PDB file of N, CA and C in Angstrom:
ATOM      1  N   MET A   1       0.847  -1.171   0.000  1.00  0.00           N
ATOM      2  CA  MET A   1       0.000   0.000   0.000  1.00  0.00           C
ATOM      3  C   MET A   1       0.889   1.230   0.000  1.00  0.00           C
ATOM      4  N   THR A   2       0.568   2.150  -0.870  1.00  0.00           N
ATOM      5  CA  THR A   2       1.333   3.393  -0.919  1.00  0.00           C
ATOM      6  C   THR A   2       0.810   4.359   0.143  1.00  0.00           C
ATOM      7  N   ILE A   3       1.583   5.402   0.420  1.00  0.00           N
ATOM      8  CA  ILE A   3       1.157   6.402   1.388  1.00  0.00           C
ATOM      9  C   ILE A   3      -0.113   7.097   0.906  1.00  0.00           C
ATOM     10  N   ASP A   4      -0.241   7.317  -0.397  1.00  0.00           N
ATOM     11  CA  ASP A   4      -1.455   7.944  -0.929  1.00  0.00           C
ATOM     12  C   ASP A   4      -2.673   7.041  -0.751  1.00  0.00           C
ATOM     13  N   GLU A   5      -2.485   5.730  -0.934  1.00  0.00           N
ATOM     14  CA  GLU A   5      -3.590   4.797  -0.692  1.00  0.00           C
ATOM     15  C   GLU A   5      -3.986   4.820   0.780  1.00  0.00           C
ATOM     16  N   PHE A   6      -3.002   4.848   1.661  1.00  0.00           N
ATOM     17  CA  PHE A   6      -3.294   4.900   3.093  1.00  0.00           C
ATOM     18  C   PHE A   6      -4.035   6.188   3.451  1.00  0.00           C
ATOM     19  N   LYS A   7      -3.629   7.298   2.865  1.00  0.00           N
ATOM     20  CA  LYS A   7      -4.285   8.581   3.142  1.00  0.00           C
ATOM     21  C   LYS A   7      -5.749   8.585   2.713  1.00  0.00           C
ATOM     22  N   SER A   8      -6.105   7.705   1.787  1.00  0.00           N
ATOM     23  CA  SER A   8      -7.495   7.662   1.323  1.00  0.00           C
ATOM     24  C   SER A   8      -8.425   6.971   2.321  1.00  0.00           C
ATOM     25  N   VAL A   9      -7.862   6.279   3.319  1.00  0.00           N
ATOM     26  CA  VAL A   9      -8.682   5.627   4.344  1.00  0.00           C
ATOM     27  C   VAL A   9      -9.145   6.698   5.331  1.00  0.00           C
ATOM     28  N   ASP A  10     -10.459   6.839   5.485  1.00  0.00           N
ATOM     29  CA  ASP A  10     -11.045   7.862   6.354  1.00  0.00           C
ATOM     30  C   ASP A  10     -11.282   7.274   7.745  1.00  0.00           C
ATOM     31  N   LEU A  11     -10.284   7.439   8.624  1.00  0.00           N
ATOM     32  CA  LEU A  11     -10.407   6.992  10.012  1.00  0.00           C
ATOM     33  C   LEU A  11     -10.941   8.154  10.833  1.00  0.00           C
ATOM     34  N   ARG A  12     -12.013   7.894  11.587  1.00  0.00           N
ATOM     35  CA  ARG A  12     -12.649   8.959  12.369  1.00  0.00           C
ATOM     36  C   ARG A  12     -13.021   8.486  13.759  1.00  0.00           C
ATOM     37  N   VAL A  13     -13.122   9.459  14.660  1.00  0.00           N
ATOM     38  CA  VAL A  13     -13.687   9.211  15.983  1.00  0.00           C
ATOM     39  C   VAL A  13     -15.201   9.156  15.820  1.00  0.00           C
ATOM     40  N   ALA A  14     -15.826   8.159  16.433  1.00  0.00           N
ATOM     41  CA  ALA A  14     -17.288   8.047  16.433  1.00  0.00           C
ATOM     42  C   ALA A  14     -17.748   7.770  17.857  1.00  0.00           C
ATOM     43  N   ARG A  15     -18.834   8.406  18.254  1.00  0.00           N
ATOM     44  CA  ARG A  15     -19.406   8.184  19.585  1.00  0.00           C
ATOM     45  C   ARG A  15     -20.606   7.257  19.438  1.00  0.00           C
ATOM     46  N   VAL A  16     -20.598   6.156  20.203  1.00  0.00           N
ATOM     47  CA  VAL A  16     -21.692   5.183  20.147  1.00  0.00           C
ATOM     48  C   VAL A  16     -22.898   5.772  20.877  1.00  0.00           C
ATOM     49  N   ILE A  17     -24.031   5.888  20.168  1.00  0.00           N
ATOM     50  CA  ILE A  17     -25.231   6.446  20.794  1.00  0.00           C
ATOM     51  C   ILE A  17     -26.259   5.373  21.134  1.00  0.00           C
ATOM     52  N   SER A  18     -26.183   4.218  20.476  1.00  0.00           N
ATOM     53  CA  SER A  18     -27.024   3.084  20.862  1.00  0.00           C
ATOM     54  C   SER A  18     -26.384   1.809  20.335  1.00  0.00           C
ATOM     55  N   ALA A  19     -26.719   0.706  20.990  1.00  0.00           N
ATOM     56  CA  ALA A  19     -26.190  -0.596  20.589  1.00  0.00           C
ATOM     57  C   ALA A  19     -27.201  -1.664  20.981  1.00  0.00           C
ATOM     58  N   GLU A  20     -27.377  -2.641  20.108  1.00  0.00           N
ATOM     59  CA  GLU A  20     -28.286  -3.743  20.418  1.00  0.00           C
ATOM     60  C   GLU A  20     -27.831  -4.998  19.693  1.00  0.00           C
ATOM     61  N   ARG A  21     -28.222  -6.132  20.254  1.00  0.00           N
ATOM     62  CA  ARG A  21     -27.919  -7.408  19.613  1.00  0.00           C
ATOM     63  C   ARG A  21     -28.825  -7.590  18.400  1.00  0.00           C
ATOM     64  N   ILE A  22     -28.303  -8.282  17.407  1.00  0.00           N
ATOM     65  CA  ILE A  22     -29.108  -8.636  16.244  1.00  0.00           C
ATOM     66  C   ILE A  22     -29.713 -10.003  16.518  1.00  0.00           C
ATOM     67  N   GLU A  23     -31.042 -10.057  16.478  1.00  0.00           N
ATOM     68  CA  GLU A  23     -31.752 -11.302  16.747  1.00  0.00           C
ATOM     69  C   GLU A  23     -31.265 -12.393  15.800  1.00  0.00           C
ATOM     70  N   GLY A  24     -30.949 -13.552  16.367  1.00  0.00           N
ATOM     71  CA  GLY A  24     -30.481 -14.676  15.577  1.00  0.00           C
ATOM     72  C   GLY A  24     -28.971 -14.764  15.455  1.00  0.00           C
ATOM     73  N   SER A  25     -28.249 -13.809  16.047  1.00  0.00           N
ATOM     74  CA  SER A  25     -26.783 -13.834  16.007  1.00  0.00           C
ATOM     75  C   SER A  25     -26.230 -13.528  17.392  1.00  0.00           C
ATOM     76  N   GLU A  26     -25.380 -14.396  17.893  1.00  0.00           N
ATOM     77  CA  GLU A  26     -24.747 -14.105  19.186  1.00  0.00           C
ATOM     78  C   GLU A  26     -23.499 -13.248  19.019  1.00  0.00           C
ATOM     79  N   LYS A  27     -23.018 -13.112  17.805  1.00  0.00           N
ATOM     80  CA  LYS A  27     -21.777 -12.391  17.541  1.00  0.00           C
ATOM     81  C   LYS A  27     -21.996 -10.938  17.100  1.00  0.00           C
ATOM     82  N   LEU A  28     -23.081 -10.662  16.388  1.00  0.00           N
ATOM     83  CA  LEU A  28     -23.240  -9.351  15.762  1.00  0.00           C
ATOM     84  C   LEU A  28     -24.049  -8.368  16.604  1.00  0.00           C
ATOM     85  N   LEU A  29     -23.556  -7.122  16.625  1.00  0.00           N
ATOM     86  CA  LEU A  29     -24.249  -6.013  17.270  1.00  0.00           C
ATOM     87  C   LEU A  29     -24.550  -4.953  16.221  1.00  0.00           C
ATOM     88  N   LYS A  30     -25.689  -4.295  16.390  1.00  0.00           N
ATOM     89  CA  LYS A  30     -26.060  -3.167  15.535  1.00  0.00           C
ATOM     90  C   LYS A  30     -25.853  -1.901  16.353  1.00  0.00           C
ATOM     91  N   LEU A  31     -24.969  -1.033  15.871  1.00  0.00           N
ATOM     92  CA  LEU A  31     -24.626   0.201  16.578  1.00  0.00           C
ATOM     93  C   LEU A  31     -25.094   1.404  15.779  1.00  0.00           C
ATOM     94  N   GLN A  32     -25.543   2.426  16.485  1.00  0.00           N
ATOM     95  CA  GLN A  32     -25.780   3.737  15.899  1.00  0.00           C
ATOM     96  C   GLN A  32     -24.680   4.630  16.457  1.00  0.00           C
ATOM     97  N   VAL A  33     -23.968   5.322  15.572  1.00  0.00           N
ATOM     98  CA  VAL A  33     -22.853   6.169  16.012  1.00  0.00           C
ATOM     99  C   VAL A  33     -22.970   7.555  15.396  1.00  0.00           C
ATOM    100  N   HIS A  34     -22.435   8.537  16.108  1.00  0.00           N
ATOM    101  CA  HIS A  34     -22.232   9.870  15.540  1.00  0.00           C
ATOM    102  C   HIS A  34     -20.777   9.927  15.099  1.00  0.00           C
ATOM    103  N   ALA A  35     -20.569  10.217  13.821  1.00  0.00           N
ATOM    104  CA  ALA A  35     -19.213  10.239  13.270  1.00  0.00           C
ATOM    105  C   ALA A  35     -18.952  11.521  12.495  1.00  0.00           C
ATOM    106  N   GLY A  36     -19.662  12.579  12.867  1.00  0.00           N
ATOM    107  CA  GLY A  36     -19.461  13.856  12.204  1.00  0.00           C
ATOM    108  C   GLY A  36     -20.310  14.062  10.965  1.00  0.00           C
ATOM    109  N   ASP A  37     -21.202  13.115  10.652  1.00  0.00           N
ATOM    110  CA  ASP A  37     -22.082  13.261   9.493  1.00  0.00           C
ATOM    111  C   ASP A  37     -23.178  14.274   9.823  1.00  0.00           C
ATOM    112  N   ILE A  38     -23.499  15.146   8.865  1.00  0.00           N
ATOM    113  CA  ILE A  38     -24.557  16.139   9.079  1.00  0.00           C
ATOM    114  C   ILE A  38     -25.501  16.159   7.883  1.00  0.00           C
ATOM    115  N   ASP A  39     -26.751  16.544   8.143  1.00  0.00           N
ATOM    116  CA  ASP A  39     -27.726  16.648   7.062  1.00  0.00           C
ATOM    117  C   ASP A  39     -27.684  18.044   6.445  1.00  0.00           C
ATOM    118  N   ASP A  40     -28.582  18.312   5.525  1.00  0.00           N
ATOM    119  CA  ASP A  40     -28.595  19.594   4.808  1.00  0.00           C
ATOM    120  C   ASP A  40     -28.857  20.789   5.719  1.00  0.00           C
ATOM    121  N   GLU A  41     -29.498  20.543   6.870  1.00  0.00           N
ATOM    122  CA  GLU A  41     -29.772  21.627   7.823  1.00  0.00           C
ATOM    123  C   GLU A  41     -28.664  21.779   8.864  1.00  0.00           C
ATOM    124  N   GLY A  42     -27.593  20.991   8.727  1.00  0.00           N
ATOM    125  CA  GLY A  42     -26.484  21.079   9.666  1.00  0.00           C
ATOM    126  C   GLY A  42     -26.676  20.273  10.940  1.00  0.00           C
ATOM    127  N   GLN A  43     -27.680  19.387  10.963  1.00  0.00           N
ATOM    128  CA  GLN A  43     -27.945  18.556  12.135  1.00  0.00           C
ATOM    129  C   GLN A  43     -27.140  17.254  12.049  1.00  0.00           C
ATOM    130  N   ALA A  44     -26.634  16.817  13.196  1.00  0.00           N
ATOM    131  CA  ALA A  44     -25.897  15.553  13.242  1.00  0.00           C
ATOM    132  C   ALA A  44     -26.838  14.401  12.913  1.00  0.00           C
ATOM    133  N   ILE A  45     -26.354  13.484  12.100  1.00  0.00           N
ATOM    134  CA  ILE A  45     -27.133  12.283  11.796  1.00  0.00           C
ATOM    135  C   ILE A  45     -26.312  11.055  12.161  1.00  0.00           C
ATOM    136  N   ALA A  46     -27.016  10.025  12.588  1.00  0.00           N
ATOM    137  CA  ALA A  46     -26.350   8.790  13.007  1.00  0.00           C
ATOM    138  C   ALA A  46     -26.065   7.924  11.787  1.00  0.00           C
ATOM    139  N   ARG A  47     -25.046   7.109  11.933  1.00  0.00           N
ATOM    140  CA  ARG A  47     -24.763   6.094  10.925  1.00  0.00           C
ATOM    141  C   ARG A  47     -24.813   4.748  11.632  1.00  0.00           C
ATOM    142  N   GLN A  48     -25.301   3.749  10.923  1.00  0.00           N
ATOM    143  CA  GLN A  48     -25.425   2.409  11.484  1.00  0.00           C
ATOM    144  C   GLN A  48     -24.210   1.582  11.094  1.00  0.00           C
ATOM    145  N   ILE A  49     -23.676   0.865  12.075  1.00  0.00           N
ATOM    146  CA  ILE A  49     -22.555  -0.039  11.833  1.00  0.00           C
ATOM    147  C   ILE A  49     -22.896  -1.382  12.465  1.00  0.00           C
ATOM    148  N   VAL A  50     -22.724  -2.451  11.696  1.00  0.00           N
ATOM    149  CA  VAL A  50     -22.885  -3.806  12.210  1.00  0.00           C
ATOM    150  C   VAL A  50     -21.485  -4.327  12.513  1.00  0.00           C
ATOM    151  N   ALA A  51     -21.285  -4.779  13.758  1.00  0.00           N
ATOM    152  CA  ALA A  51     -19.946  -5.196  14.197  1.00  0.00           C
ATOM    153  C   ALA A  51     -19.995  -6.585  14.832  1.00  0.00           C
ATOM    154  N   GLY A  52     -18.989  -7.395  14.545  1.00  0.00           N
ATOM    155  CA  GLY A  52     -18.908  -8.756  15.071  1.00  0.00           C
ATOM    156  C   GLY A  52     -18.214  -8.824  16.421  1.00  0.00           C
ATOM    157  N   ILE A  53     -18.705  -8.064  17.379  1.00  0.00           N
ATOM    158  CA  ILE A  53     -18.064  -7.971  18.697  1.00  0.00           C
ATOM    159  C   ILE A  53     -18.989  -8.410  19.825  1.00  0.00           C
ATOM    160  N   GLY A  54     -20.115  -9.025  19.479  1.00  0.00           N
ATOM    161  CA  GLY A  54     -21.140  -9.361  20.460  1.00  0.00           C
ATOM    162  C   GLY A  54     -20.752 -10.401  21.487  1.00  0.00           C
ATOM    163  N   LYS A  55     -19.772 -11.248  21.196  1.00  0.00           N
ATOM    164  CA  LYS A  55     -19.333 -12.230  22.191  1.00  0.00           C
ATOM    165  C   LYS A  55     -18.434 -11.595  23.239  1.00  0.00           C
ATOM    166  N   ALA A  56     -17.821 -10.469  22.907  1.00  0.00           N
ATOM    167  CA  ALA A  56     -16.873  -9.821  23.820  1.00  0.00           C
ATOM    168  C   ALA A  56     -17.470  -8.621  24.550  1.00  0.00           C
ATOM    169  N   TYR A  57     -18.535  -8.030  24.009  1.00  0.00           N
ATOM    170  CA  TYR A  57     -19.090  -6.800  24.584  1.00  0.00           C
ATOM    171  C   TYR A  57     -20.595  -6.907  24.749  1.00  0.00           C
ATOM    172  N   GLU A  58     -21.087  -6.411  25.885  1.00  0.00           N
ATOM    173  CA  GLU A  58     -22.519  -6.225  26.080  1.00  0.00           C
ATOM    174  C   GLU A  58     -22.886  -4.900  25.419  1.00  0.00           C
ATOM    175  N   PRO A  59     -23.994  -4.841  24.704  1.00  0.00           N
ATOM    176  CA  PRO A  59     -24.341  -3.608  23.989  1.00  0.00           C
ATOM    177  C   PRO A  59     -24.366  -2.366  24.877  1.00  0.00           C
ATOM    178  N   GLU A  60     -24.957  -2.474  26.055  1.00  0.00           N
ATOM    179  CA  GLU A  60     -25.076  -1.294  26.924  1.00  0.00           C
ATOM    180  C   GLU A  60     -23.724  -0.765  27.392  1.00  0.00           C
ATOM    181  N   ALA A  61     -22.693  -1.603  27.398  1.00  0.00           N
ATOM    182  CA  ALA A  61     -21.355  -1.157  27.815  1.00  0.00           C
ATOM    183  C   ALA A  61     -20.695  -0.276  26.753  1.00  0.00           C
ATOM    184  N   LEU A  62     -21.200  -0.295  25.533  1.00  0.00           N
ATOM    185  CA  LEU A  62     -20.602   0.478  24.441  1.00  0.00           C
ATOM    186  C   LEU A  62     -21.173   1.887  24.321  1.00  0.00           C
ATOM    187  N   VAL A  63     -22.386   2.092  24.810  1.00  0.00           N
ATOM    188  CA  VAL A  63     -23.055   3.387  24.660  1.00  0.00           C
ATOM    189  C   VAL A  63     -22.244   4.467  25.370  1.00  0.00           C
ATOM    190  N   GLY A  64     -21.956   5.542  24.639  1.00  0.00           N
ATOM    191  CA  GLY A  64     -21.171   6.649  25.170  1.00  0.00           C
ATOM    192  C   GLY A  64     -19.685   6.545  24.896  1.00  0.00           C
ATOM    193  N   LYS A  65     -19.212   5.383  24.443  1.00  0.00           N
ATOM    194  CA  LYS A  65     -17.781   5.222  24.160  1.00  0.00           C
ATOM    195  C   LYS A  65     -17.403   5.932  22.866  1.00  0.00           C
ATOM    196  N   SER A  66     -16.180   6.434  22.830  1.00  0.00           N
ATOM    197  CA  SER A  66     -15.603   7.016  21.617  1.00  0.00           C
ATOM    198  C   SER A  66     -14.694   5.972  20.994  1.00  0.00           C
ATOM    199  N   VAL A  67     -15.034   5.561  19.779  1.00  0.00           N
ATOM    200  CA  VAL A  67     -14.314   4.496  19.090  1.00  0.00           C
ATOM    201  C   VAL A  67     -13.749   5.042  17.782  1.00  0.00           C
ATOM    202  N   VAL A  68     -12.904   4.253  17.136  1.00  0.00           N
ATOM    203  CA  VAL A  68     -12.343   4.625  15.840  1.00  0.00           C
ATOM    204  C   VAL A  68     -13.033   3.776  14.777  1.00  0.00           C
ATOM    205  N   ILE A  69     -13.496   4.450  13.710  1.00  0.00           N
ATOM    206  CA  ILE A  69     -14.144   3.725  12.618  1.00  0.00           C
ATOM    207  C   ILE A  69     -13.458   4.032  11.288  1.00  0.00           C
ATOM    208  N   VAL A  70     -13.630   3.117  10.342  1.00  0.00           N
ATOM    209  CA  VAL A  70     -13.320   3.393   8.940  1.00  0.00           C
ATOM    210  C   VAL A  70     -14.629   3.914   8.355  1.00  0.00           C
ATOM    211  N   ALA A  71     -14.642   5.187   7.981  1.00  0.00           N
ATOM    212  CA  ALA A  71     -15.892   5.845   7.606  1.00  0.00           C
ATOM    213  C   ALA A  71     -16.201   5.787   6.116  1.00  0.00           C
ATOM    214  N   ASN A  72     -15.219   5.466   5.279  1.00  0.00           N
ATOM    215  CA  ASN A  72     -15.470   5.538   3.838  1.00  0.00           C
ATOM    216  C   ASN A  72     -15.503   4.178   3.145  1.00  0.00           C
ATOM    217  N   LEU A  73     -15.884   3.138   3.871  1.00  0.00           N
ATOM    218  CA  LEU A  73     -16.122   1.853   3.219  1.00  0.00           C
ATOM    219  C   LEU A  73     -17.454   1.913   2.480  1.00  0.00           C
ATOM    220  N   GLU A  74     -17.565   1.149   1.407  1.00  0.00           N
ATOM    221  CA  GLU A  74     -18.861   1.046   0.744  1.00  0.00           C
ATOM    222  C   GLU A  74     -19.837   0.390   1.711  1.00  0.00           C
ATOM    223  N   PRO A  75     -21.096   0.848   1.738  1.00  0.00           N
ATOM    224  CA  PRO A  75     -22.085   0.200   2.613  1.00  0.00           C
ATOM    225  C   PRO A  75     -22.194  -1.286   2.285  1.00  0.00           C
ATOM    226  N   ARG A  76     -22.420  -2.080   3.332  1.00  0.00           N
ATOM    227  CA  ARG A  76     -22.548  -3.525   3.159  1.00  0.00           C
ATOM    228  C   ARG A  76     -23.874  -3.967   3.749  1.00  0.00           C
ATOM    229  N   LYS A  77     -24.586  -4.800   3.016  1.00  0.00           N
ATOM    230  CA  LYS A  77     -25.875  -5.300   3.487  1.00  0.00           C
ATOM    231  C   LYS A  77     -25.697  -6.684   4.102  1.00  0.00           C
ATOM    232  N   PHE A  78     -26.333  -6.879   5.260  1.00  0.00           N
ATOM    233  CA  PHE A  78     -26.358  -8.157   5.953  1.00  0.00           C
ATOM    234  C   PHE A  78     -27.802  -8.633   5.987  1.00  0.00           C
ATOM    235  N   THR A  79     -28.026  -9.923   5.747  1.00  0.00           N
ATOM    236  CA  THR A  79     -29.364 -10.494   5.840  1.00  0.00           C
ATOM    237  C   THR A  79     -29.317 -11.661   6.810  1.00  0.00           C
ATOM    238  N   PHE A  80     -30.294 -11.696   7.742  1.00  0.00           N
ATOM    239  CA  PHE A  80     -30.341 -12.727   8.773  1.00  0.00           C
ATOM    240  C   PHE A  80     -31.731 -13.331   8.836  1.00  0.00           C
ATOM    241  N   ARG A  81     -31.769 -14.575   9.237  1.00  0.00           N
ATOM    242  CA  ARG A  81     -33.045 -15.222   9.526  1.00  0.00           C
ATOM    243  C   ARG A  81     -33.248 -15.168  11.026  1.00  0.00           C
ATOM    244  N   SER A  82     -34.438 -14.751  11.418  1.00  0.00           N
ATOM    245  CA  SER A  82     -34.771 -14.689  12.836  1.00  0.00           C
ATOM    246  C   SER A  82     -36.144 -15.307  13.030  1.00  0.00           C
ATOM    247  N   ASP A  83     -36.591 -15.329  14.275  1.00  0.00           N
ATOM    248  CA  ASP A  83     -37.917 -15.869  14.568  1.00  0.00           C
ATOM    249  C   ASP A  83     -39.007 -15.088  13.847  1.00  0.00           C
ATOM    250  N   SER A  84     -38.752 -13.827  13.570  1.00  0.00           N
ATOM    251  CA  SER A  84     -39.748 -12.984  12.902  1.00  0.00           C
ATOM    252  C   SER A  84     -39.567 -12.959  11.378  1.00  0.00           C
ATOM    253  N   GLY A  85     -38.729 -13.822  10.838  1.00  0.00           N
ATOM    254  CA  GLY A  85     -38.505 -13.877   9.394  1.00  0.00           C
ATOM    255  C   GLY A  85     -37.128 -13.381   9.016  1.00  0.00           C
ATOM    256  N   GLN A  86     -36.965 -13.054   7.747  1.00  0.00           N
ATOM    257  CA  GLN A  86     -35.683 -12.580   7.251  1.00  0.00           C
ATOM    258  C   GLN A  86     -35.583 -11.069   7.465  1.00  0.00           C
ATOM    259  N   VAL A  87     -34.447 -10.638   8.012  1.00  0.00           N
ATOM    260  CA  VAL A  87     -34.238  -9.228   8.340  1.00  0.00           C
ATOM    261  C   VAL A  87     -32.947  -8.765   7.678  1.00  0.00           C
ATOM    262  N   GLY A  88     -32.953  -7.547   7.121  1.00  0.00           N
ATOM    263  CA  GLY A  88     -31.767  -6.992   6.487  1.00  0.00           C
ATOM    264  C   GLY A  88     -31.265  -5.762   7.215  1.00  0.00           C
ATOM    265  N   PHE A  89     -29.967  -5.603   7.251  1.00  0.00           N
ATOM    266  CA  PHE A  89     -29.320  -4.451   7.875  1.00  0.00           C
ATOM    267  C   PHE A  89     -28.236  -3.940   6.942  1.00  0.00           C
ATOM    268  N   GLU A  90     -28.029  -2.631   6.952  1.00  0.00           N
ATOM    269  CA  GLU A  90     -26.934  -2.039   6.203  1.00  0.00           C
ATOM    270  C   GLU A  90     -25.907  -1.506   7.188  1.00  0.00           C
ATOM    271  N   SER A  91     -24.641  -1.784   6.912  1.00  0.00           N
ATOM    272  CA  SER A  91     -23.550  -1.273   7.739  1.00  0.00           C
ATOM    273  C   SER A  91     -22.805  -0.219   6.941  1.00  0.00           C
ATOM    274  N   ARG A  92     -22.588   0.945   7.568  1.00  0.00           N
ATOM    275  CA  ARG A  92     -21.939   2.072   6.894  1.00  0.00           C
ATOM    276  C   ARG A  92     -20.617   2.425   7.565  1.00  0.00           C
ATOM    277  N   GLY A  93     -19.772   1.421   7.745  1.00  0.00           N
ATOM    278  CA  GLY A  93     -18.464   1.647   8.343  1.00  0.00           C
ATOM    279  C   GLY A  93     -17.982   0.400   9.048  1.00  0.00           C
ATOM    280  N   MET A  94     -16.815   0.509   9.648  1.00  0.00           N
ATOM    281  CA  MET A  94     -16.230  -0.604  10.397  1.00  0.00           C
ATOM    282  C   MET A  94     -15.556  -0.052  11.642  1.00  0.00           C
ATOM    283  N   ILE A  95     -15.823  -0.699  12.773  1.00  0.00           N
ATOM    284  CA  ILE A  95     -15.163  -0.318  14.019  1.00  0.00           C
ATOM    285  C   ILE A  95     -13.809  -1.010  14.070  1.00  0.00           C
ATOM    286  N   LEU A  96     -12.762  -0.260  14.386  1.00  0.00           N
ATOM    287  CA  LEU A  96     -11.429  -0.856  14.498  1.00  0.00           C
ATOM    288  C   LEU A  96     -11.297  -1.581  15.823  1.00  0.00           C
ATOM    289  N   ALA A  97     -10.683  -2.749  15.760  1.00  0.00           N
ATOM    290  CA  ALA A  97     -10.457  -3.553  16.960  1.00  0.00           C
ATOM    291  C   ALA A  97      -9.175  -4.351  16.779  1.00  0.00           C
ATOM    292  N   ALA A  98      -8.582  -4.696  17.897  1.00  0.00           N
ATOM    293  CA  ALA A  98      -7.431  -5.602  17.934  1.00  0.00           C
ATOM    294  C   ALA A  98      -7.921  -6.900  18.579  1.00  0.00           C
ATOM    295  N   HIS A  99      -7.031  -7.860  18.737  1.00  0.00           N
ATOM    296  CA  HIS A  99      -7.364  -9.089  19.458  1.00  0.00           C
ATOM    297  C   HIS A  99      -6.501  -9.186  20.703  1.00  0.00           C
ATOM    298  N   ASP A 100      -7.092  -9.645  21.805  1.00  0.00           N
ATOM    299  CA  ASP A 100      -6.303  -9.879  23.008  1.00  0.00           C
ATOM    300  C   ASP A 100      -5.604 -11.233  22.897  1.00  0.00           C
ATOM    301  N   GLU A 101      -4.911 -11.636  23.957  1.00  0.00           N
ATOM    302  CA  GLU A 101      -4.136 -12.883  23.920  1.00  0.00           C
ATOM    303  C   GLU A 101      -5.011 -14.121  23.744  1.00  0.00           C
ATOM    304  N   ASN A 102      -6.321 -13.998  23.999  1.00  0.00           N
ATOM    305  CA  ASN A 102      -7.239 -15.126  23.824  1.00  0.00           C
ATOM    306  C   ASN A 102      -8.015 -15.058  22.508  1.00  0.00           C
ATOM    307  N   GLY A 103      -7.687 -14.076  21.681  1.00  0.00           N
ATOM    308  CA  GLY A 103      -8.360 -13.941  20.400  1.00  0.00           C
ATOM    309  C   GLY A 103      -9.661 -13.164  20.444  1.00  0.00           C
ATOM    310  N   ASN A 104      -9.984 -12.566  21.592  1.00  0.00           N
ATOM    311  CA  ASN A 104     -11.208 -11.776  21.717  1.00  0.00           C
ATOM    312  C   ASN A 104     -10.991 -10.369  21.174  1.00  0.00           C
ATOM    313  N   PRO A 105     -12.004  -9.790  20.514  1.00  0.00           N
ATOM    314  CA  PRO A 105     -11.841  -8.432  20.000  1.00  0.00           C
ATOM    315  C   PRO A 105     -11.760  -7.401  21.120  1.00  0.00           C
ATOM    316  N   VAL A 106     -10.890  -6.418  20.924  1.00  0.00           N
ATOM    317  CA  VAL A 106     -10.738  -5.284  21.841  1.00  0.00           C
ATOM    318  C   VAL A 106     -10.869  -4.026  20.989  1.00  0.00           C
ATOM    319  N   ILE A 107     -11.909  -3.256  21.245  1.00  0.00           N
ATOM    320  CA  ILE A 107     -12.182  -2.063  20.446  1.00  0.00           C
ATOM    321  C   ILE A 107     -11.096  -1.020  20.654  1.00  0.00           C
ATOM    322  N   VAL A 108     -10.684  -0.384  19.550  1.00  0.00           N
ATOM    323  CA  VAL A 108      -9.766   0.749  19.620  1.00  0.00           C
ATOM    324  C   VAL A 108     -10.604   1.963  20.006  1.00  0.00           C
ATOM    325  N   SER A 109     -10.294   2.548  21.161  1.00  0.00           N
ATOM    326  CA  SER A 109     -11.062   3.704  21.624  1.00  0.00           C
ATOM    327  C   SER A 109     -10.126   4.887  21.828  1.00  0.00           C
ATOM    328  N   VAL A 110     -10.731   6.065  21.944  1.00  0.00           N
ATOM    329  CA  VAL A 110      -9.962   7.292  22.124  1.00  0.00           C
ATOM    330  C   VAL A 110     -10.559   8.081  23.278  1.00  0.00           C
ATOM    331  N   SER A 111      -9.839   9.087  23.704  1.00  0.00           N
ATOM    332  CA  SER A 111     -10.294   9.970  24.767  1.00  0.00           C
ATOM    333  C   SER A 111     -11.581  10.673  24.356  1.00  0.00           C
ATOM    334  N   ASP A 112     -12.446  10.909  25.326  1.00  0.00           N
ATOM    335  CA  ASP A 112     -13.686  11.640  25.059  1.00  0.00           C
ATOM    336  C   ASP A 112     -13.426  13.094  24.697  1.00  0.00           C
ATOM    337  N   VAL A 113     -12.187  13.556  24.834  1.00  0.00           N
ATOM    338  CA  VAL A 113     -11.847  14.933  24.483  1.00  0.00           C
ATOM    339  C   VAL A 113     -11.952  15.140  22.972  1.00  0.00           C
ATOM    340  N   ALA A 114     -11.653  14.099  22.202  1.00  0.00           N
ATOM    341  CA  ALA A 114     -11.738  14.193  20.738  1.00  0.00           C
ATOM    342  C   ALA A 114     -13.207  14.128  20.331  1.00  0.00           C
ATOM    343  N   PRO A 115     -13.727  15.166  19.679  1.00  0.00           N
ATOM    344  CA  PRO A 115     -15.149  15.162  19.315  1.00  0.00           C
ATOM    345  C   PRO A 115     -15.464  14.157  18.212  1.00  0.00           C
ATOM    346  N   ALA A 116     -16.717  13.700  18.199  1.00  0.00           N
ATOM    347  CA  ALA A 116     -17.175  12.799  17.146  1.00  0.00           C
ATOM    348  C   ALA A 116     -16.929  13.451  15.792  1.00  0.00           C
ATOM    349  N   GLY A 117     -16.414  12.671  14.864  1.00  0.00           N
ATOM    350  CA  GLY A 117     -16.110  13.171  13.529  1.00  0.00           C
ATOM    351  C   GLY A 117     -14.666  13.580  13.341  1.00  0.00           C
ATOM    352  N   SER A 118     -13.900  13.668  14.446  1.00  0.00           N
ATOM    353  CA  SER A 118     -12.483  14.036  14.324  1.00  0.00           C
ATOM    354  C   SER A 118     -11.761  13.010  13.470  1.00  0.00           C
ATOM    355  N   LYS A 119     -10.953  13.494  12.541  1.00  0.00           N
ATOM    356  CA  LYS A 119     -10.172  12.590  11.698  1.00  0.00           C
ATOM    357  C   LYS A 119      -8.951  12.102  12.472  1.00  0.00           C
ATOM    358  N   ILE A 120      -8.644  10.827  12.293  1.00  0.00           N
ATOM    359  CA  ILE A 120      -7.438  10.241  12.867  1.00  0.00           C
ATOM    360  C   ILE A 120      -6.319  10.512  11.871  1.00  0.00           C
ATOM    361  N   LEU A 121      -5.253  11.134  12.338  1.00  0.00           N
ATOM    362  CA  LEU A 121      -4.162  11.536  11.445  1.00  0.00           C
ATOM    363  C   LEU A 121      -3.080  10.489  11.377  1.00  0.00           C
TER     364      LEU A 121
END
């Protein structure tokens, strides 16, 4: 990867505003985050991210955390079968995580001083 290719990756601070388990999956969580996106009136809008961290994190423990996301990935659609039928979700980013010594995901987080939408340099 060249330095120019690396510069094209949009890493941003995002604040988790809600998190919930996806019915039918013990691994996946559906998160709503503020990542600096705004609408035409200048109001903050949430973006949805589906993350495979549900075995390591309880959803309520993530709310309010400042995490690092890749903000410029193409949206990805996920489809699941649940008790209520087939359900689809769109993910508009990826949360960065490392693995601990046991292979469990550990979210990359930042200080709350950095506002949502701040670019990671």
